[in-house]
Protein backbone atom coordinates (compact mmCIF):
# COMPACT_ATOMS: atom_id res chain seq x y z
CA MET A 1 92.53 141.04 104.85
CA LYS A 2 89.36 139.57 103.42
CA ALA A 3 88.94 135.62 102.96
CA VAL A 4 85.93 133.33 102.35
CA VAL A 5 86.13 130.66 105.02
CA PHE A 6 84.31 127.22 104.97
CA TYR A 7 83.21 126.04 108.25
CA GLY A 8 81.23 123.22 107.04
CA PRO A 9 78.67 121.88 104.43
CA GLY A 10 76.98 124.94 102.94
CA GLU A 11 78.39 127.27 105.14
CA VAL A 12 81.08 129.79 104.13
CA ALA A 13 81.64 133.23 105.32
CA LEU A 14 83.30 136.33 104.03
CA GLU A 15 85.61 137.49 106.92
CA ASP A 16 88.30 139.83 107.80
CA ARG A 17 91.31 137.90 108.96
CA PRO A 18 94.87 139.43 110.27
CA LEU A 19 97.37 139.67 107.63
CA PRO A 20 99.86 136.66 107.80
CA SER A 21 103.36 136.98 108.28
CA PRO A 22 105.77 134.66 106.29
CA GLY A 23 108.14 132.18 108.24
CA PRO A 24 111.65 131.85 107.09
CA ASP A 25 110.92 129.71 104.02
CA GLU A 26 107.62 131.14 103.19
CA VAL A 27 106.16 133.73 100.65
CA LEU A 28 103.17 136.22 101.30
CA VAL A 29 101.25 136.44 97.94
CA ARG A 30 98.64 139.16 97.11
CA VAL A 31 96.06 137.07 95.25
CA GLN A 32 94.97 138.48 91.78
CA ALA A 33 93.14 135.73 90.30
CA ALA A 34 91.78 132.27 91.44
CA SER A 35 89.24 129.73 89.85
CA VAL A 36 86.54 127.71 91.09
CA CYS A 37 87.15 124.02 90.76
CA GLY A 38 84.49 121.19 90.81
CA THR A 39 86.41 120.13 94.00
CA ASP A 40 85.67 123.34 95.56
CA VAL A 41 81.98 122.61 95.16
CA ARG A 42 81.98 119.42 96.32
CA ILE A 43 83.67 120.40 99.62
CA TYR A 44 81.03 123.03 99.92
CA ARG A 45 78.31 120.21 99.64
CA GLY A 46 80.26 118.03 102.21
CA GLU A 47 81.17 115.48 99.59
CA ILE A 48 84.97 115.90 100.36
CA GLU A 49 86.16 116.14 103.91
CA VAL A 50 88.34 119.13 104.93
CA ALA A 51 89.35 120.32 108.31
CA PRO A 52 87.35 123.58 108.80
CA PRO A 53 87.69 126.52 109.25
CA VAL A 54 89.81 126.51 106.15
CA VAL A 55 90.08 129.07 103.15
CA LEU A 56 88.86 127.33 99.99
CA GLY A 57 90.71 127.83 96.53
CA HIS A 58 93.53 125.69 95.31
CA ASP A 59 94.17 127.26 91.60
CA PHE A 60 95.28 130.71 91.80
CA ALA A 61 98.09 133.20 91.15
CA GLY A 62 99.25 136.69 92.26
CA VAL A 63 102.12 139.07 93.29
CA VAL A 64 104.78 138.50 95.76
CA GLU A 65 104.12 140.77 98.63
CA ARG A 66 106.90 139.69 101.18
CA VAL A 67 109.21 137.05 101.64
CA GLY A 68 110.64 135.03 104.59
CA GLU A 69 114.32 135.48 105.49
CA GLU A 70 115.54 132.25 103.98
CA VAL A 71 113.93 132.81 100.60
CA GLU A 72 116.52 134.17 97.95
CA GLU A 73 115.19 133.76 94.26
CA ILE A 74 111.58 135.14 94.56
CA PRO A 75 111.72 138.91 95.03
CA PRO A 76 108.84 141.04 96.02
CA GLY A 77 106.86 142.06 92.99
CA MET A 78 107.15 138.84 91.13
CA GLN A 79 104.02 137.49 89.39
CA VAL A 80 103.77 133.83 90.44
CA VAL A 81 101.46 130.84 89.82
CA VAL A 82 100.80 128.87 92.97
CA GLU A 83 101.20 124.97 92.92
CA PRO A 84 98.89 124.04 96.07
CA ILE A 85 100.84 120.83 97.21
CA ARG A 86 103.21 121.33 100.28
CA SER A 87 105.20 117.96 100.42
CA CYS A 88 107.20 116.70 103.26
CA GLY A 89 110.04 116.15 100.92
CA ALA A 90 111.43 112.84 103.11
CA CYS A 91 108.77 110.06 102.56
CA ARG A 92 109.04 107.48 99.87
CA VAL A 93 106.69 108.88 97.28
CA CYS A 94 108.38 112.49 97.66
CA MET A 95 111.80 110.31 97.20
CA GLU A 96 110.52 109.07 93.99
CA GLY A 97 109.47 112.42 92.80
CA ARG A 98 105.80 111.78 93.09
CA TYR A 99 105.28 114.53 95.86
CA ASN A 100 101.94 115.00 94.56
CA LEU A 101 101.06 111.69 96.52
CA CYS A 102 102.62 112.65 99.68
CA PRO A 103 100.53 111.38 102.74
CA ASP A 104 102.51 113.72 105.27
CA GLY A 105 102.20 117.03 103.46
CA GLY A 106 99.30 119.55 103.09
CA PHE A 107 97.28 121.04 99.98
CA HIS A 108 96.05 124.69 99.96
CA GLY A 109 92.42 124.72 99.93
CA PHE A 110 92.02 121.65 101.82
CA SER A 111 94.26 121.29 104.77
CA LEU A 112 96.26 124.50 104.44
CA ASP A 113 94.37 128.04 103.73
CA GLY A 114 93.88 128.55 99.57
CA GLY A 115 93.50 131.27 97.28
CA PHE A 116 89.86 132.54 98.00
CA SER A 117 91.31 135.52 99.88
CA GLU A 118 93.22 138.82 99.41
CA TYR A 119 96.45 137.33 100.59
CA ALA A 120 97.84 133.75 100.77
CA LEU A 121 100.88 132.48 102.59
CA ILE A 122 102.70 129.92 100.54
CA HIS A 123 105.82 127.79 100.82
CA ALA A 124 108.46 129.05 98.45
CA ALA A 125 108.86 125.80 96.70
CA GLY A 126 105.23 125.97 95.63
CA LEU A 127 105.67 129.19 93.45
CA HIS A 128 106.29 129.42 89.92
CA ASP A 129 107.11 132.49 87.70
CA ALA A 130 103.69 133.44 85.92
CA ARG A 131 105.87 134.13 82.79
CA GLY A 132 103.67 137.30 82.11
CA LEU A 133 100.56 135.46 81.74
CA PRO A 134 97.28 137.69 81.97
CA TRP A 135 95.75 136.82 85.24
CA GLU A 136 92.79 135.44 83.51
CA GLU A 137 95.15 132.43 82.62
CA ALA A 138 97.38 132.46 85.41
CA GLY A 139 94.51 131.76 87.85
CA ILE A 140 93.77 128.28 85.79
CA VAL A 141 96.72 126.47 85.49
CA GLU A 142 95.82 123.34 87.32
CA PRO A 143 93.53 122.00 84.44
CA VAL A 144 96.53 122.04 81.92
CA VAL A 145 98.65 120.29 84.89
CA VAL A 146 96.05 117.52 84.72
CA ALA A 147 95.57 117.42 81.18
CA LEU A 148 99.41 116.63 80.83
CA ALA A 149 99.50 114.27 83.61
CA ALA A 150 96.47 112.41 81.90
CA LEU A 151 98.29 112.20 78.55
CA GLN A 152 101.58 111.19 80.22
CA LYS A 153 99.93 108.39 81.59
CA ALA A 154 98.10 107.40 78.41
CA ARG A 155 101.25 107.38 76.21
CA PRO A 156 99.40 107.88 72.92
CA ARG A 157 100.90 107.64 69.69
CA LEU A 158 100.54 109.88 66.78
CA TRP A 159 97.06 110.01 65.29
CA ASP A 160 95.45 107.58 67.96
CA PHE A 161 91.92 108.07 68.59
CA LEU A 162 91.31 109.74 72.10
CA VAL A 163 87.97 109.69 73.69
CA VAL A 164 87.22 112.19 76.24
CA PHE A 165 84.36 111.85 78.43
CA GLY A 166 83.17 115.01 80.08
CA GLN A 167 83.86 118.45 78.52
CA GLY A 168 84.04 120.55 81.96
CA PRO A 169 87.22 122.58 82.64
CA ILE A 170 89.59 119.51 82.63
CA GLY A 171 87.88 117.72 79.76
CA LEU A 172 88.28 120.75 77.33
CA THR A 173 91.60 121.33 78.53
CA ILE A 174 92.60 117.80 77.69
CA THR A 175 91.06 118.08 74.36
CA GLN A 176 93.40 120.99 73.58
CA VAL A 177 96.44 119.43 74.66
CA ALA A 178 95.49 115.99 73.15
CA LYS A 179 95.49 118.14 69.75
CA LEU A 180 98.90 119.16 70.44
CA HIS A 181 99.90 115.62 70.64
CA GLY A 182 98.47 114.83 67.07
CA LEU A 183 95.63 112.79 68.39
CA ARG A 184 92.25 112.34 66.79
CA VAL A 185 89.85 113.48 69.77
CA ILE A 186 86.23 112.59 70.14
CA ALA A 187 84.66 114.74 72.92
CA VAL A 188 81.40 113.38 74.87
CA ASP A 189 79.12 115.52 76.81
CA PRO A 190 75.39 116.01 77.39
CA LEU A 191 75.61 119.82 77.19
CA PRO A 192 75.60 121.39 73.84
CA ARG A 193 77.23 124.51 75.10
CA ARG A 194 80.31 122.37 76.08
CA LEU A 195 80.36 120.53 72.82
CA HIS A 196 80.71 123.77 70.93
CA ILE A 197 83.41 124.91 72.94
CA ALA A 198 85.01 121.50 72.47
CA GLN A 199 84.98 122.03 68.67
CA GLU A 200 86.34 125.62 68.95
CA MET A 201 89.18 123.84 71.04
CA GLY A 202 89.83 121.48 68.14
CA ALA A 203 87.89 118.00 68.62
CA ASP A 204 87.58 116.27 65.65
CA HIS A 205 84.07 115.04 66.69
CA VAL A 206 81.48 115.59 69.35
CA VAL A 207 78.97 113.11 70.81
CA ASN A 208 76.08 113.92 72.97
CA PRO A 209 74.88 111.03 74.83
CA ASP A 210 71.55 112.23 75.37
CA GLN A 211 70.89 112.35 71.55
CA VAL A 212 72.82 109.25 70.42
CA ASP A 213 74.06 105.82 71.69
CA PRO A 214 77.88 106.99 72.74
CA VAL A 215 79.25 103.44 72.56
CA GLN A 216 77.83 102.86 69.01
CA ALA A 217 78.73 106.29 67.89
CA ILE A 218 82.00 106.04 68.85
CA LEU A 219 82.70 102.64 67.53
CA GLU A 220 81.28 103.89 64.22
CA LEU A 221 83.72 107.03 64.25
CA THR A 222 86.77 104.57 64.68
CA GLY A 223 85.60 102.23 61.97
CA GLY A 224 84.45 99.47 64.39
CA ASP A 225 87.87 99.16 65.99
CA GLY A 226 87.23 101.24 69.19
CA ALA A 227 89.51 104.20 70.51
CA ASP A 228 92.76 103.59 71.50
CA VAL A 229 92.43 105.62 74.69
CA ALA A 230 89.58 106.92 76.74
CA ILE A 231 90.00 109.47 79.48
CA GLU A 232 87.06 109.84 82.12
CA ALA A 233 86.89 113.42 83.17
CA SER A 234 83.18 113.61 83.81
CA GLY A 235 82.81 111.63 87.19
CA ALA A 236 79.81 109.81 86.14
CA GLN A 237 79.28 106.18 86.50
CA LEU A 238 77.97 105.65 83.11
CA ALA A 239 80.87 107.24 81.40
CA VAL A 240 83.06 105.22 83.61
CA ASP A 241 81.17 102.21 82.22
CA TRP A 242 81.22 103.23 78.62
CA SER A 243 85.16 104.08 78.71
CA ALA A 244 85.90 100.23 78.89
CA GLU A 245 83.25 99.45 76.06
CA VAL A 246 84.50 101.96 73.65
CA VAL A 247 88.15 101.18 73.93
CA ARG A 248 89.88 98.69 71.59
CA PRO A 249 91.40 95.41 72.75
CA GLY A 250 94.82 96.55 74.31
CA GLY A 251 93.66 100.01 74.81
CA LYS A 252 94.13 102.31 77.62
CA LEU A 253 91.80 104.01 80.38
CA VAL A 254 93.09 107.10 82.20
CA PHE A 255 90.62 108.31 85.23
CA VAL A 256 90.46 111.94 86.11
CA GLY A 257 86.81 112.37 86.89
CA GLU A 258 85.83 112.12 90.71
CA GLN A 259 82.51 111.57 92.33
CA THR A 260 81.44 109.91 95.53
CA GLY A 261 80.36 106.38 95.06
CA LEU A 262 82.21 105.73 91.75
CA HIS A 263 83.23 102.30 91.03
CA GLY A 264 85.38 100.71 88.10
CA PRO A 265 84.33 99.69 84.76
CA PRO A 266 82.90 96.18 84.14
CA MET A 267 85.91 93.69 85.03
CA GLU A 268 84.69 91.55 82.04
CA GLU A 269 85.56 94.26 79.51
CA MET A 270 88.90 94.86 81.51
CA LEU A 271 90.00 91.20 81.34
CA ASN A 272 88.66 90.29 77.97
CA LYS A 273 90.18 93.22 76.26
CA GLU A 274 93.45 93.40 78.33
CA LEU A 275 92.82 97.10 79.01
CA GLU A 276 95.69 99.28 80.77
CA THR A 277 94.23 101.49 83.35
CA SER A 278 95.72 104.39 85.32
CA ALA A 279 94.56 107.57 87.36
CA VAL A 280 95.61 111.08 88.19
CA ALA A 281 95.93 113.05 91.19
CA LEU A 282 97.06 116.32 89.61
CA GLY A 283 100.74 115.15 88.72
CA ALA A 284 104.27 116.27 89.87
CA GLY A 285 106.64 118.55 88.07
CA LEU A 286 104.31 119.66 85.41
CA TYR A 287 103.51 123.28 86.62
CA PRO A 288 106.49 124.92 84.56
CA ARG A 289 105.44 123.10 81.36
CA ALA A 290 101.91 124.00 81.94
CA ILE A 291 102.70 127.88 82.15
CA ASP A 292 105.14 127.44 79.19
CA LEU A 293 102.23 126.28 77.16
CA LEU A 294 99.79 129.00 78.17
CA ALA A 295 102.69 131.52 77.62
CA ALA A 296 103.23 130.29 74.14
CA GLY A 297 99.39 130.46 73.36
CA LYS A 298 99.22 126.72 72.76
CA VAL A 299 96.61 126.62 75.22
CA HIS A 300 94.05 128.78 76.07
CA MET A 301 91.75 128.97 79.04
CA ARG A 302 90.04 132.21 78.88
CA PRO A 303 87.26 130.72 76.52
CA LEU A 304 86.49 128.61 79.55
CA ILE A 305 85.58 131.50 81.62
CA THR A 306 81.84 132.03 81.80
CA HIS A 307 81.83 134.29 85.06
CA THR A 308 84.02 136.55 86.97
CA VAL A 309 83.13 137.31 90.50
CA SER A 310 84.54 139.13 93.45
CA LEU A 311 85.22 137.59 97.09
CA GLU A 312 82.04 139.38 98.21
CA GLU A 313 80.02 137.54 95.62
CA LEU A 314 81.80 134.14 96.01
CA PRO A 315 79.51 132.72 98.83
CA GLY A 316 76.30 133.02 96.72
CA ILE A 317 78.20 131.58 93.79
CA LEU A 318 79.13 128.33 95.54
CA GLU A 319 75.77 128.09 96.64
CA ARG A 320 74.28 128.30 93.31
CA LEU A 321 77.08 125.89 91.78
CA SER A 322 76.00 123.58 94.40
CA ASP A 323 72.45 123.46 93.65
CA GLY A 324 72.77 123.51 89.92
CA THR A 325 71.11 126.84 89.32
CA LEU A 326 74.29 128.45 87.86
CA ASP A 327 75.24 127.36 84.20
CA ALA A 328 78.94 127.81 84.28
CA VAL A 329 82.13 126.36 82.92
CA LYS A 330 84.52 128.00 84.69
CA VAL A 331 84.15 130.92 87.48
CA LEU A 332 87.02 133.17 88.11
CA VAL A 333 87.51 134.92 91.31
CA ARG A 334 89.14 138.42 91.32
CA PRO A 335 89.88 139.59 95.01
C-alpha cells in the first residue's frame, strides 16, 4: 500500500508498505478521504514532536476492508469516520470520560500511523458510522468536534456576542456551530478571503485587524459592553492578548489555537474582569454529534476545501503549506 511517511522536519516520503493485518479488536480501513490540519504542517516543520517514522494524518474516513476476530458490530463494507484517539480506558481521565486526555494511549498521525495512506489500522472503538456522508465531508469531521467542544466549554446563552479570532478551518467551523446556538458572531481574521467565507457561514460581523483596531471595533459592535465570549482559534499571540481586552467583565475565554511560544493573556485583565478561561484538546464523545450535524446539513465543510490532492502530490503540498507559498483553507487528500 502507498503511504506518506514522516521521518523528521521537512522529510516525508511516499512509500510502498506491506498491508497490515488487523488484530483481534482492530479494523483495516481503506482510506477514502483525509484532510490536512495545521497540526500536520507544524509536525512537518518540526514544531511538534512525534516518533518517526510515522504516517501523518489524523482526520480521515474510509471503508472497512477487514475486521479482527473479536469485532462484531462493524462489518466489511461499512463507511466509517475515524476518531484518532486510542485511549487506555483504565486511567483516571479515561474513567472520568475524558479519554481525549489519556496520557497512556495513542493518537493516529502522531504516535500511531494515520490516514495519509491507502489503508489504516484502527481500534474498533475509534470508528463511527459515516451516516452516508460524502467523502469530502466525512474526511473533515475533526473541526466540527473541536467547535462543539469549544462551545461546550463556553456555555453561551442565546443571543450572546461571541468573538472568534481566526477564520481558518477551525474558526470557520466554530462560526457555523455558534450560529446554530443562536449567537451573534464577530469573526476576526486578516485575510479577506476567509472573512468572506465567514460571512457565507453566517457571521454577523467581520473584522480585519490589518484594517481597523480590532479591540475598538469589537467594543463598538457590542455597544461598549464587550463580548460575552471570545474563542481564540488563530494561534497568534496578539489575538490571545486581544481576547481578554474584548470580553466584558465576567466573560469567558476559550483557547483552541496552538502555536509554539504562546503565553496567556495579560493577568491584569484576567483578574480585574474575573474572566473564566478554558481550553480544548479535541473533546471526548462528540464525534457522533458532529457526524449528525453534517448528515443533517446543518454544518457544511465543502466550502472550506480549496485544494484536493493525491498521495503522490502530498509531500509537495506539505512543503508549500509549510513555507507559506500555498494559499489554502483546507486541503483534502484522496488516496
